[in-house]
């Protein structure tokens, strides 16, 4: 897979992370239980982050160790295959703690000279 495709996937990940973070702005943990559409939207965005991560080349993932690639990809698999047992407490923790960190790291990578061809 080309560096160009990796860059596209990283931008997809960043866009989905921004969307997820925007959806929880001014929200409380309880909103996940009370708003099914919100819950499903957030789960889907995290799945798409994981799918985009999975499509990034292994070589590039090995170069960018600031991103927990395997955890992101495993979370995607867990959400897809464990669709009937999503723990909203864990989901909220990911959204409020891990997603902001992921945004920062993705921005650093995208803005870095690593993409200069």
PDB file of N, CA and C in Angstrom:
ATOM      1  N   UNK A   1       0.852  -1.177   0.000  1.00  0.00           N
ATOM      2  CA  UNK A   1       0.000   0.000   0.000  1.00  0.00           C
ATOM      3  C   UNK A   1       0.891   1.231   0.000  1.00  0.00           C
ATOM      4  N   UNK A   2       0.505   2.237  -0.729  1.00  0.00           N
ATOM      5  CA  UNK A   2       1.334   3.419  -0.877  1.00  0.00           C
ATOM      6  C   UNK A   2       1.206   4.365   0.316  1.00  0.00           C
ATOM      7  N   UNK A   3       2.200   5.214   0.420  1.00  0.00           N
ATOM      8  CA  UNK A   3       2.197   6.237   1.466  1.00  0.00           C
ATOM      9  C   UNK A   3       0.972   7.148   1.285  1.00  0.00           C
ATOM     10  N   UNK A   4       0.598   7.395   0.030  1.00  0.00           N
ATOM     11  CA  UNK A   4      -0.576   8.222  -0.260  1.00  0.00           C
ATOM     12  C   UNK A   4      -1.831   7.599   0.355  1.00  0.00           C
ATOM     13  N   UNK A   5      -2.010   6.309   0.204  1.00  0.00           N
ATOM     14  CA  UNK A   5      -3.177   5.632   0.786  1.00  0.00           C
ATOM     15  C   UNK A   5      -3.140   5.672   2.309  1.00  0.00           C
ATOM     16  N   UNK A   6      -1.953   5.536   2.881  1.00  0.00           N
ATOM     17  CA  UNK A   6      -1.824   5.640   4.342  1.00  0.00           C
ATOM     18  C   UNK A   6      -2.255   7.029   4.811  1.00  0.00           C
ATOM     19  N   UNK A   7      -1.855   8.051   4.072  1.00  0.00           N
ATOM     20  CA  UNK A   7      -2.225   9.425   4.435  1.00  0.00           C
ATOM     21  C   UNK A   7      -3.737   9.603   4.379  1.00  0.00           C
ATOM     22  N   UNK A   8      -4.363   9.049   3.370  1.00  0.00           N
ATOM     23  CA  UNK A   8      -5.823   9.131   3.252  1.00  0.00           C
ATOM     24  C   UNK A   8      -6.482   8.462   4.447  1.00  0.00           C
ATOM     25  N   UNK A   9      -6.023   7.277   4.798  1.00  0.00           N
ATOM     26  CA  UNK A   9      -6.604   6.544   5.936  1.00  0.00           C
ATOM     27  C   UNK A   9      -6.419   7.310   7.246  1.00  0.00           C
ATOM     28  N   UNK A  10      -5.243   7.918   7.419  1.00  0.00           N
ATOM     29  CA  UNK A  10      -5.017   8.718   8.629  1.00  0.00           C
ATOM     30  C   UNK A  10      -5.988   9.887   8.703  1.00  0.00           C
ATOM     31  N   UNK A  11      -6.226  10.522   7.570  1.00  0.00           N
ATOM     32  CA  UNK A  11      -7.175  11.636   7.543  1.00  0.00           C
ATOM     33  C   UNK A  11      -8.604  11.141   7.822  1.00  0.00           C
ATOM     34  N   UNK A  12      -8.927   9.956   7.346  1.00  0.00           N
ATOM     35  CA  UNK A  12     -10.234   9.373   7.676  1.00  0.00           C
ATOM     36  C   UNK A  12     -10.339   9.171   9.185  1.00  0.00           C
ATOM     37  N   UNK A  13      -9.303   8.569   9.766  1.00  0.00           N
ATOM     38  CA  UNK A  13      -9.307   8.339  11.209  1.00  0.00           C
ATOM     39  C   UNK A  13      -9.498   9.647  11.967  1.00  0.00           C
ATOM     40  N   UNK A  14      -8.761  10.668  11.560  1.00  0.00           N
ATOM     41  CA  UNK A  14      -8.842  11.957  12.237  1.00  0.00           C
ATOM     42  C   UNK A  14     -10.243  12.558  12.096  1.00  0.00           C
ATOM     43  N   UNK A  15     -10.792  12.488  10.917  1.00  0.00           N
ATOM     44  CA  UNK A  15     -12.147  13.019  10.705  1.00  0.00           C
ATOM     45  C   UNK A  15     -13.184  12.319  11.559  1.00  0.00           C
ATOM     46  N   UNK A  16     -13.110  10.997  11.618  1.00  0.00           N
ATOM     47  CA  UNK A  16     -14.059  10.244  12.445  1.00  0.00           C
ATOM     48  C   UNK A  16     -13.861  10.550  13.928  1.00  0.00           C
ATOM     49  N   UNK A  17     -12.616  10.716  14.343  1.00  0.00           N
ATOM     50  CA  UNK A  17     -12.339  11.052  15.740  1.00  0.00           C
ATOM     51  C   UNK A  17     -12.901  12.430  16.081  1.00  0.00           C
ATOM     52  N   UNK A  18     -12.724  13.395  15.183  1.00  0.00           N
ATOM     53  CA  UNK A  18     -13.322  14.727  15.388  1.00  0.00           C
ATOM     54  C   UNK A  18     -14.840  14.627  15.523  1.00  0.00           C
ATOM     55  N   UNK A  19     -15.459  13.855  14.636  1.00  0.00           N
ATOM     56  CA  UNK A  19     -16.918  13.708  14.681  1.00  0.00           C
ATOM     57  C   UNK A  19     -17.373  13.114  16.008  1.00  0.00           C
ATOM     58  N   UNK A  20     -16.684  12.063  16.446  1.00  0.00           N
ATOM     59  CA  UNK A  20     -17.052  11.421  17.713  1.00  0.00           C
ATOM     60  C   UNK A  20     -16.906  12.398  18.873  1.00  0.00           C
ATOM     61  N   UNK A  21     -15.797  13.120  18.882  1.00  0.00           N
ATOM     62  CA  UNK A  21     -15.569  14.061  19.970  1.00  0.00           C
ATOM     63  C   UNK A  21     -16.605  15.183  19.953  1.00  0.00           C
ATOM     64  N   UNK A  22     -16.979  15.635  18.764  1.00  0.00           N
ATOM     65  CA  UNK A  22     -18.001  16.678  18.658  1.00  0.00           C
ATOM     66  C   UNK A  22     -19.361  16.179  19.169  1.00  0.00           C
ATOM     67  N   UNK A  23     -19.667  14.920  18.934  1.00  0.00           N
ATOM     68  CA  UNK A  23     -20.944  14.368  19.381  1.00  0.00           C
ATOM     69  C   UNK A  23     -21.065  14.292  20.901  1.00  0.00           C
ATOM     70  N   UNK A  24     -19.937  14.192  21.598  1.00  0.00           N
ATOM     71  CA  UNK A  24     -20.024  14.094  23.059  1.00  0.00           C
ATOM     72  C   UNK A  24     -19.854  15.446  23.749  1.00  0.00           C
ATOM     73  N   UNK A  25     -19.593  16.476  22.949  1.00  0.00           N
ATOM     74  CA  UNK A  25     -19.452  17.807  23.538  1.00  0.00           C
ATOM     75  C   UNK A  25     -20.737  18.177  24.272  1.00  0.00           C
ATOM     76  N   UNK A  26     -20.589  18.654  25.488  1.00  0.00           N
ATOM     77  CA  UNK A  26     -21.714  19.045  26.350  1.00  0.00           C
ATOM     78  C   UNK A  26     -22.657  17.882  26.658  1.00  0.00           C
ATOM     79  N   UNK A  27     -22.133  16.669  26.601  1.00  0.00           N
ATOM     80  CA  UNK A  27     -22.931  15.483  26.933  1.00  0.00           C
ATOM     81  C   UNK A  27     -22.417  14.875  28.233  1.00  0.00           C
ATOM     82  N   UNK A  28     -23.249  14.012  28.798  1.00  0.00           N
ATOM     83  CA  UNK A  28     -22.889  13.271  30.009  1.00  0.00           C
ATOM     84  C   UNK A  28     -22.862  11.784  29.675  1.00  0.00           C
ATOM     85  N   UNK A  29     -22.246  11.025  30.496  1.00  0.00           N
ATOM     86  CA  UNK A  29     -22.170   9.577  30.307  1.00  0.00           C
ATOM     87  C   UNK A  29     -23.567   8.985  30.158  1.00  0.00           C
ATOM     88  N   UNK A  30     -24.513   9.475  30.938  1.00  0.00           N
ATOM     89  CA  UNK A  30     -25.875   8.951  30.930  1.00  0.00           C
ATOM     90  C   UNK A  30     -26.560   9.128  29.576  1.00  0.00           C
ATOM     91  N   UNK A  31     -26.093  10.080  28.799  1.00  0.00           N
ATOM     92  CA  UNK A  31     -26.697  10.309  27.485  1.00  0.00           C
ATOM     93  C   UNK A  31     -26.547   9.085  26.573  1.00  0.00           C
ATOM     94  N   UNK A  32     -25.503   8.303  26.788  1.00  0.00           N
ATOM     95  CA  UNK A  32     -25.347   7.077  25.997  1.00  0.00           C
ATOM     96  C   UNK A  32     -26.488   6.094  26.263  1.00  0.00           C
ATOM     97  N   UNK A  33     -26.943   6.058  27.492  1.00  0.00           N
ATOM     98  CA  UNK A  33     -28.040   5.154  27.845  1.00  0.00           C
ATOM     99  C   UNK A  33     -29.394   5.700  27.399  1.00  0.00           C
ATOM    100  N   UNK A  34     -29.512   7.021  27.388  1.00  0.00           N
ATOM    101  CA  UNK A  34     -30.796   7.663  27.100  1.00  0.00           C
ATOM    102  C   UNK A  34     -31.027   7.945  25.619  1.00  0.00           C
ATOM    103  N   UNK A  35     -29.959   7.983  24.833  1.00  0.00           N
ATOM    104  CA  UNK A  35     -30.060   8.371  23.427  1.00  0.00           C
ATOM    105  C   UNK A  35     -29.450   7.272  22.556  1.00  0.00           C
ATOM    106  N   UNK A  36     -30.297   6.384  22.102  1.00  0.00           N
ATOM    107  CA  UNK A  36     -29.836   5.227  21.308  1.00  0.00           C
ATOM    108  C   UNK A  36     -29.140   5.664  20.018  1.00  0.00           C
ATOM    109  N   UNK A  37     -29.644   6.703  19.390  1.00  0.00           N
ATOM    110  CA  UNK A  37     -29.031   7.198  18.163  1.00  0.00           C
ATOM    111  C   UNK A  37     -27.609   7.702  18.428  1.00  0.00           C
ATOM    112  N   UNK A  38     -27.418   8.392  19.526  1.00  0.00           N
ATOM    113  CA  UNK A  38     -26.084   8.853  19.913  1.00  0.00           C
ATOM    114  C   UNK A  38     -25.166   7.664  20.144  1.00  0.00           C
ATOM    115  N   UNK A  39     -25.635   6.696  20.900  1.00  0.00           N
ATOM    116  CA  UNK A  39     -24.828   5.507  21.195  1.00  0.00           C
ATOM    117  C   UNK A  39     -24.407   4.792  19.903  1.00  0.00           C
ATOM    118  N   UNK A  40     -25.362   4.547  19.022  1.00  0.00           N
ATOM    119  CA  UNK A  40     -25.053   3.848  17.772  1.00  0.00           C
ATOM    120  C   UNK A  40     -24.122   4.654  16.878  1.00  0.00           C
ATOM    121  N   UNK A  41     -24.315   5.957  16.847  1.00  0.00           N
ATOM    122  CA  UNK A  41     -23.450   6.819  16.038  1.00  0.00           C
ATOM    123  C   UNK A  41     -22.007   6.762  16.529  1.00  0.00           C
ATOM    124  N   UNK A  42     -21.842   6.836  17.827  1.00  0.00           N
ATOM    125  CA  UNK A  42     -20.494   6.811  18.400  1.00  0.00           C
ATOM    126  C   UNK A  42     -19.823   5.458  18.192  1.00  0.00           C
ATOM    127  N   UNK A  43     -20.576   4.393  18.378  1.00  0.00           N
ATOM    128  CA  UNK A  43     -20.026   3.061  18.141  1.00  0.00           C
ATOM    129  C   UNK A  43     -19.576   2.937  16.691  1.00  0.00           C
ATOM    130  N   UNK A  44     -20.405   3.384  15.774  1.00  0.00           N
ATOM    131  CA  UNK A  44     -20.060   3.289  14.346  1.00  0.00           C
ATOM    132  C   UNK A  44     -18.819   4.114  14.012  1.00  0.00           C
ATOM    133  N   UNK A  45     -18.698   5.304  14.570  1.00  0.00           N
ATOM    134  CA  UNK A  45     -17.508   6.126  14.311  1.00  0.00           C
ATOM    135  C   UNK A  45     -16.246   5.442  14.820  1.00  0.00           C
ATOM    136  N   UNK A  46     -16.327   4.825  15.985  1.00  0.00           N
ATOM    137  CA  UNK A  46     -15.160   4.120  16.520  1.00  0.00           C
ATOM    138  C   UNK A  46     -14.841   2.900  15.656  1.00  0.00           C
ATOM    139  N   UNK A  47     -15.862   2.219  15.179  1.00  0.00           N
ATOM    140  CA  UNK A  47     -15.631   1.099  14.256  1.00  0.00           C
ATOM    141  C   UNK A  47     -14.905   1.581  13.001  1.00  0.00           C
ATOM    142  N   UNK A  48     -15.314   2.715  12.474  1.00  0.00           N
ATOM    143  CA  UNK A  48     -14.693   3.232  11.252  1.00  0.00           C
ATOM    144  C   UNK A  48     -13.258   3.688  11.497  1.00  0.00           C
ATOM    145  N   UNK A  49     -12.978   4.218  12.677  1.00  0.00           N
ATOM    146  CA  UNK A  49     -11.595   4.549  13.032  1.00  0.00           C
ATOM    147  C   UNK A  49     -10.766   3.268  12.999  1.00  0.00           C
ATOM    148  N   UNK A  50     -11.282   2.212  13.580  1.00  0.00           N
ATOM    149  CA  UNK A  50     -10.579   0.931  13.609  1.00  0.00           C
ATOM    150  C   UNK A  50     -10.396   0.318  12.235  1.00  0.00           C
ATOM    151  N   UNK A  51     -11.403   0.450  11.390  1.00  0.00           N
ATOM    152  CA  UNK A  51     -11.297  -0.094  10.034  1.00  0.00           C
ATOM    153  C   UNK A  51     -10.248   0.669   9.231  1.00  0.00           C
ATOM    154  N   UNK A  52     -10.244   1.983   9.342  1.00  0.00           N
ATOM    155  CA  UNK A  52      -9.228   2.781   8.650  1.00  0.00           C
ATOM    156  C   UNK A  52      -7.832   2.427   9.164  1.00  0.00           C
ATOM    157  N   UNK A  53      -7.707   2.250  10.478  1.00  0.00           N
ATOM    158  CA  UNK A  53      -6.411   1.866  11.061  1.00  0.00           C
ATOM    159  C   UNK A  53      -5.951   0.521  10.521  1.00  0.00           C
ATOM    160  N   UNK A  54      -6.874  -0.394  10.374  1.00  0.00           N
ATOM    161  CA  UNK A  54      -6.556  -1.727   9.880  1.00  0.00           C
ATOM    162  C   UNK A  54      -6.059  -1.699   8.430  1.00  0.00           C
ATOM    163  N   UNK A  55      -6.472  -0.700   7.678  1.00  0.00           N
ATOM    164  CA  UNK A  55      -6.085  -0.595   6.270  1.00  0.00           C
ATOM    165  C   UNK A  55      -4.775   0.165   6.063  1.00  0.00           C
ATOM    166  N   UNK A  56      -4.222   0.714   7.122  1.00  0.00           N
ATOM    167  CA  UNK A  56      -2.923   1.384   7.024  1.00  0.00           C
ATOM    168  C   UNK A  56      -1.845   0.305   6.968  1.00  0.00           C
ATOM    169  N   UNK A  57      -0.872   0.539   6.131  1.00  0.00           N
ATOM    170  CA  UNK A  57       0.164  -0.474   5.925  1.00  0.00           C
ATOM    171  C   UNK A  57       0.892  -0.798   7.230  1.00  0.00           C
ATOM    172  N   UNK A  58       1.295  -2.035   7.348  1.00  0.00           N
ATOM    173  CA  UNK A  58       2.034  -2.475   8.531  1.00  0.00           C
ATOM    174  C   UNK A  58       3.342  -1.719   8.650  1.00  0.00           C
ATOM    175  N   UNK A  59       3.982  -1.454   7.526  1.00  0.00           N
ATOM    176  CA  UNK A  59       5.248  -0.700   7.547  1.00  0.00           C
ATOM    177  C   UNK A  59       5.034   0.679   8.154  1.00  0.00           C
ATOM    178  N   UNK A  60       3.964   1.346   7.760  1.00  0.00           N
ATOM    179  CA  UNK A  60       3.701   2.675   8.314  1.00  0.00           C
ATOM    180  C   UNK A  60       3.349   2.586   9.792  1.00  0.00           C
ATOM    181  N   UNK A  61       2.549   1.601  10.152  1.00  0.00           N
ATOM    182  CA  UNK A  61       2.209   1.425  11.576  1.00  0.00           C
ATOM    183  C   UNK A  61       3.465   1.216  12.405  1.00  0.00           C
ATOM    184  N   UNK A  62       4.402   0.463  11.870  1.00  0.00           N
ATOM    185  CA  UNK A  62       5.654   0.218  12.596  1.00  0.00           C
ATOM    186  C   UNK A  62       6.490   1.479  12.745  1.00  0.00           C
ATOM    187  N   UNK A  63       6.319   2.436  11.841  1.00  0.00           N
ATOM    188  CA  UNK A  63       7.043   3.706  11.910  1.00  0.00           C
ATOM    189  C   UNK A  63       6.409   4.688  12.888  1.00  0.00           C
ATOM    190  N   UNK A  64       5.157   4.518  13.182  1.00  0.00           N
ATOM    191  CA  UNK A  64       4.411   5.487  13.984  1.00  0.00           C
ATOM    192  C   UNK A  64       3.892   4.818  15.259  1.00  0.00           C
ATOM    193  N   UNK A  65       4.789   4.668  16.193  1.00  0.00           N
ATOM    194  CA  UNK A  65       4.476   3.922  17.413  1.00  0.00           C
ATOM    195  C   UNK A  65       3.705   4.736  18.451  1.00  0.00           C
ATOM    196  N   UNK A  66       3.456   6.011  18.174  1.00  0.00           N
ATOM    197  CA  UNK A  66       2.693   6.824  19.125  1.00  0.00           C
ATOM    198  C   UNK A  66       1.195   6.507  19.063  1.00  0.00           C
ATOM    199  N   UNK A  67       0.793   5.751  18.056  1.00  0.00           N
ATOM    200  CA  UNK A  67      -0.606   5.343  17.912  1.00  0.00           C
ATOM    201  C   UNK A  67      -0.730   3.884  18.353  1.00  0.00           C
ATOM    202  N   UNK A  68      -1.664   3.571  19.243  1.00  0.00           N
ATOM    203  CA  UNK A  68      -1.849   2.178  19.678  1.00  0.00           C
ATOM    204  C   UNK A  68      -2.642   1.378  18.630  1.00  0.00           C
ATOM    205  N   UNK A  69      -1.996   1.096  17.504  1.00  0.00           N
ATOM    206  CA  UNK A  69      -2.662   0.477  16.355  1.00  0.00           C
ATOM    207  C   UNK A  69      -3.418  -0.792  16.717  1.00  0.00           C
ATOM    208  N   UNK A  70      -2.750  -1.702  17.400  1.00  0.00           N
ATOM    209  CA  UNK A  70      -3.404  -2.990  17.680  1.00  0.00           C
ATOM    210  C   UNK A  70      -4.614  -2.815  18.591  1.00  0.00           C
ATOM    211  N   UNK A  71      -4.547  -1.894  19.541  1.00  0.00           N
ATOM    212  CA  UNK A  71      -5.691  -1.653  20.420  1.00  0.00           C
ATOM    213  C   UNK A  71      -6.872  -1.072  19.640  1.00  0.00           C
ATOM    214  N   UNK A  72      -6.582  -0.159  18.729  1.00  0.00           N
ATOM    215  CA  UNK A  72      -7.641   0.459  17.923  1.00  0.00           C
ATOM    216  C   UNK A  72      -8.306  -0.589  17.036  1.00  0.00           C
ATOM    217  N   UNK A  73      -7.492  -1.409  16.402  1.00  0.00           N
ATOM    218  CA  UNK A  73      -8.018  -2.440  15.507  1.00  0.00           C
ATOM    219  C   UNK A  73      -8.783  -3.505  16.298  1.00  0.00           C
ATOM    220  N   UNK A  74      -8.251  -3.909  17.438  1.00  0.00           N
ATOM    221  CA  UNK A  74      -8.941  -4.900  18.277  1.00  0.00           C
ATOM    222  C   UNK A  74     -10.266  -4.355  18.804  1.00  0.00           C
ATOM    223  N   UNK A  75     -10.302  -3.065  19.121  1.00  0.00           N
ATOM    224  CA  UNK A  75     -11.550  -2.459  19.575  1.00  0.00           C
ATOM    225  C   UNK A  75     -12.594  -2.520  18.469  1.00  0.00           C
ATOM    226  N   UNK A  76     -12.192  -2.236  17.249  1.00  0.00           N
ATOM    227  CA  UNK A  76     -13.102  -2.336  16.104  1.00  0.00           C
ATOM    228  C   UNK A  76     -13.677  -3.741  16.025  1.00  0.00           C
ATOM    229  N   UNK A  77     -12.800  -4.753  16.111  1.00  0.00           N
ATOM    230  CA  UNK A  77     -13.254  -6.144  16.047  1.00  0.00           C
ATOM    231  C   UNK A  77     -14.214  -6.456  17.198  1.00  0.00           C
ATOM    232  N   UNK A  78     -13.881  -5.958  18.374  1.00  0.00           N
ATOM    233  CA  UNK A  78     -14.717  -6.216  19.552  1.00  0.00           C
ATOM    234  C   UNK A  78     -16.105  -5.601  19.381  1.00  0.00           C
ATOM    235  N   UNK A  79     -16.157  -4.384  18.844  1.00  0.00           N
ATOM    236  CA  UNK A  79     -17.451  -3.724  18.646  1.00  0.00           C
ATOM    237  C   UNK A  79     -18.281  -4.422  17.578  1.00  0.00           C
ATOM    238  N   UNK A  80     -17.622  -4.836  16.508  1.00  0.00           N
ATOM    239  CA  UNK A  80     -18.335  -5.505  15.416  1.00  0.00           C
ATOM    240  C   UNK A  80     -18.851  -6.875  15.866  1.00  0.00           C
ATOM    241  N   UNK A  81     -17.970  -7.654  16.467  1.00  0.00           N
ATOM    242  CA  UNK A  81     -18.322  -9.034  16.799  1.00  0.00           C
ATOM    243  C   UNK A  81     -19.015  -9.176  18.154  1.00  0.00           C
ATOM    244  N   UNK A  82     -18.819  -8.190  19.015  1.00  0.00           N
ATOM    245  CA  UNK A  82     -19.481  -8.230  20.318  1.00  0.00           C
ATOM    246  C   UNK A  82     -20.576  -7.186  20.395  1.00  0.00           C
ATOM    247  N   UNK A  83     -21.239  -6.998  19.274  1.00  0.00           N
ATOM    248  CA  UNK A  83     -22.260  -5.949  19.139  1.00  0.00           C
ATOM    249  C   UNK A  83     -23.319  -5.991  20.232  1.00  0.00           C
ATOM    250  N   UNK A  84     -23.553  -7.156  20.791  1.00  0.00           N
ATOM    251  CA  UNK A  84     -24.623  -7.313  21.774  1.00  0.00           C
ATOM    252  C   UNK A  84     -24.157  -7.107  23.214  1.00  0.00           C
ATOM    253  N   UNK A  85     -22.876  -6.763  23.377  1.00  0.00           N
ATOM    254  CA  UNK A  85     -22.373  -6.611  24.744  1.00  0.00           C
ATOM    255  C   UNK A  85     -21.437  -5.410  24.886  1.00  0.00           C
ATOM    256  N   UNK A  86     -21.801  -4.291  24.278  1.00  0.00           N
ATOM    257  CA  UNK A  86     -20.996  -3.075  24.398  1.00  0.00           C
ATOM    258  C   UNK A  86     -21.225  -2.470  25.772  1.00  0.00           C
ATOM    259  N   UNK A  87     -20.149  -2.205  26.468  1.00  0.00           N
ATOM    260  CA  UNK A  87     -20.207  -1.599  27.792  1.00  0.00           C
ATOM    261  C   UNK A  87     -20.101  -0.081  27.616  1.00  0.00           C
ATOM    262  N   UNK A  88     -21.174   0.624  27.907  1.00  0.00           N
ATOM    263  CA  UNK A  88     -21.182   2.068  27.698  1.00  0.00           C
ATOM    264  C   UNK A  88     -20.239   2.824  28.617  1.00  0.00           C
ATOM    265  N   UNK A  89     -19.914   2.262  29.775  1.00  0.00           N
ATOM    266  CA  UNK A  89     -18.921   2.894  30.644  1.00  0.00           C
ATOM    267  C   UNK A  89     -17.552   2.894  29.962  1.00  0.00           C
ATOM    268  N   UNK A  90     -17.196   1.772  29.365  1.00  0.00           N
ATOM    269  CA  UNK A  90     -15.924   1.673  28.652  1.00  0.00           C
ATOM    270  C   UNK A  90     -15.954   2.550  27.408  1.00  0.00           C
ATOM    271  N   UNK A  91     -17.066   2.535  26.696  1.00  0.00           N
ATOM    272  CA  UNK A  91     -17.208   3.377  25.516  1.00  0.00           C
ATOM    273  C   UNK A  91     -17.003   4.843  25.878  1.00  0.00           C
ATOM    274  N   UNK A  92     -17.617   5.299  26.948  1.00  0.00           N
ATOM    275  CA  UNK A  92     -17.482   6.690  27.376  1.00  0.00           C
ATOM    276  C   UNK A  92     -16.032   7.012  27.745  1.00  0.00           C
ATOM    277  N   UNK A  93     -15.388   6.094  28.426  1.00  0.00           N
ATOM    278  CA  UNK A  93     -13.980   6.299  28.798  1.00  0.00           C
ATOM    279  C   UNK A  93     -13.113   6.452  27.549  1.00  0.00           C
ATOM    280  N   UNK A  94     -13.346   5.624  26.564  1.00  0.00           N
ATOM    281  CA  UNK A  94     -12.603   5.714  25.301  1.00  0.00           C
ATOM    282  C   UNK A  94     -12.854   7.064  24.647  1.00  0.00           C
ATOM    283  N   UNK A  95     -14.105   7.476  24.608  1.00  0.00           N
ATOM    284  CA  UNK A  95     -14.470   8.733  23.946  1.00  0.00           C
ATOM    285  C   UNK A  95     -13.898   9.958  24.649  1.00  0.00           C
ATOM    286  N   UNK A  96     -13.870   9.933  25.961  1.00  0.00           N
ATOM    287  CA  UNK A  96     -13.426  11.114  26.708  1.00  0.00           C
ATOM    288  C   UNK A  96     -11.940  11.133  27.004  1.00  0.00           C
ATOM    289  N   UNK A  97     -11.299   9.987  26.981  1.00  0.00           N
ATOM    290  CA  UNK A  97      -9.875   9.912  27.308  1.00  0.00           C
ATOM    291  C   UNK A  97      -9.013   9.581  26.100  1.00  0.00           C
ATOM    292  N   UNK A  98      -9.357   8.514  25.404  1.00  0.00           N
ATOM    293  CA  UNK A  98      -8.504   8.028  24.320  1.00  0.00           C
ATOM    294  C   UNK A  98      -8.676   8.807  23.019  1.00  0.00           C
ATOM    295  N   UNK A  99      -9.887   9.180  22.688  1.00  0.00           N
ATOM    296  CA  UNK A  99     -10.120   9.895  21.428  1.00  0.00           C
ATOM    297  C   UNK A  99      -9.399  11.247  21.406  1.00  0.00           C
ATOM    298  N   UNK A 100      -9.441  12.055  22.467  1.00  0.00           N
ATOM    299  CA  UNK A 100      -8.683  13.314  22.423  1.00  0.00           C
ATOM    300  C   UNK A 100      -7.179  13.084  22.224  1.00  0.00           C
ATOM    301  N   UNK A 101      -6.644  12.072  22.875  1.00  0.00           N
ATOM    302  CA  UNK A 101      -5.225  11.745  22.700  1.00  0.00           C
ATOM    303  C   UNK A 101      -4.948  11.289  21.263  1.00  0.00           C
ATOM    304  N   UNK A 102      -5.837  10.473  20.717  1.00  0.00           N
ATOM    305  CA  UNK A 102      -5.680  10.009  19.338  1.00  0.00           C
ATOM    306  C   UNK A 102      -5.686  11.190  18.368  1.00  0.00           C
ATOM    307  N   UNK A 103      -6.578  12.138  18.590  1.00  0.00           N
ATOM    308  CA  UNK A 103      -6.639  13.328  17.727  1.00  0.00           C
ATOM    309  C   UNK A 103      -5.299  14.053  17.721  1.00  0.00           C
ATOM    310  N   UNK A 104      -4.745  14.271  18.896  1.00  0.00           N
ATOM    311  CA  UNK A 104      -3.453  14.968  19.002  1.00  0.00           C
ATOM    312  C   UNK A 104      -2.366  14.210  18.254  1.00  0.00           C
ATOM    313  N   UNK A 105      -2.288  12.912  18.452  1.00  0.00           N
ATOM    314  CA  UNK A 105      -1.240  12.116  17.808  1.00  0.00           C
ATOM    315  C   UNK A 105      -1.417  12.060  16.295  1.00  0.00           C
ATOM    316  N   UNK A 106      -2.647  11.920  15.833  1.00  0.00           N
ATOM    317  CA  UNK A 106      -2.891  11.901  14.384  1.00  0.00           C
ATOM    318  C   UNK A 106      -2.527  13.242  13.755  1.00  0.00           C
ATOM    319  N   UNK A 107      -2.879  14.336  14.423  1.00  0.00           N
ATOM    320  CA  UNK A 107      -2.519  15.655  13.904  1.00  0.00           C
ATOM    321  C   UNK A 107      -1.013  15.805  13.787  1.00  0.00           C
ATOM    322  N   UNK A 108      -0.277  15.337  14.795  1.00  0.00           N
ATOM    323  CA  UNK A 108       1.194  15.414  14.753  1.00  0.00           C
ATOM    324  C   UNK A 108       1.740  14.647  13.554  1.00  0.00           C
ATOM    325  N   UNK A 109       1.225  13.447  13.346  1.00  0.00           N
ATOM    326  CA  UNK A 109       1.720  12.607  12.243  1.00  0.00           C
ATOM    327  C   UNK A 109       1.384  13.248  10.900  1.00  0.00           C
ATOM    328  N   UNK A 110       0.155  13.696  10.756  1.00  0.00           N
ATOM    329  CA  UNK A 110      -0.270  14.283   9.484  1.00  0.00           C
ATOM    330  C   UNK A 110       0.521  15.532   9.150  1.00  0.00           C
ATOM    331  N   UNK A 111       0.891  16.302  10.168  1.00  0.00           N
ATOM    332  CA  UNK A 111       1.633  17.539   9.958  1.00  0.00           C
ATOM    333  C   UNK A 111       3.141  17.307   9.879  1.00  0.00           C
ATOM    334  N   UNK A 112       3.590  16.106  10.117  1.00  0.00           N
ATOM    335  CA  UNK A 112       5.030  15.831  10.157  1.00  0.00           C
ATOM    336  C   UNK A 112       5.609  15.616   8.758  1.00  0.00           C
ATOM    337  N   UNK A 113       6.922  15.705   8.640  1.00  0.00           N
ATOM    338  CA  UNK A 113       7.577  15.493   7.335  1.00  0.00           C
ATOM    339  C   UNK A 113       7.505  14.052   6.843  1.00  0.00           C
ATOM    340  N   UNK A 114       6.959  13.161   7.622  1.00  0.00           N
ATOM    341  CA  UNK A 114       6.879  11.754   7.233  1.00  0.00           C
ATOM    342  C   UNK A 114       6.089  11.566   5.927  1.00  0.00           C
ATOM    343  N   UNK A 115       5.219  12.544   5.613  1.00  0.00           N
ATOM    344  CA  UNK A 115       4.400  12.451   4.407  1.00  0.00           C
ATOM    345  C   UNK A 115       5.032  13.105   3.197  1.00  0.00           C
ATOM    346  N   UNK A 116       6.145  13.759   3.375  1.00  0.00           N
ATOM    347  CA  UNK A 116       6.803  14.385   2.222  1.00  0.00           C
ATOM    348  C   UNK A 116       7.330  13.296   1.315  1.00  0.00           C
ATOM    349  N   UNK A 117       6.998  13.404   0.057  1.00  0.00           N
ATOM    350  CA  UNK A 117       7.400  12.356  -0.887  1.00  0.00           C
ATOM    351  C   UNK A 117       8.526  12.834  -1.760  1.00  0.00           C
TER     352      UNK A 117
END
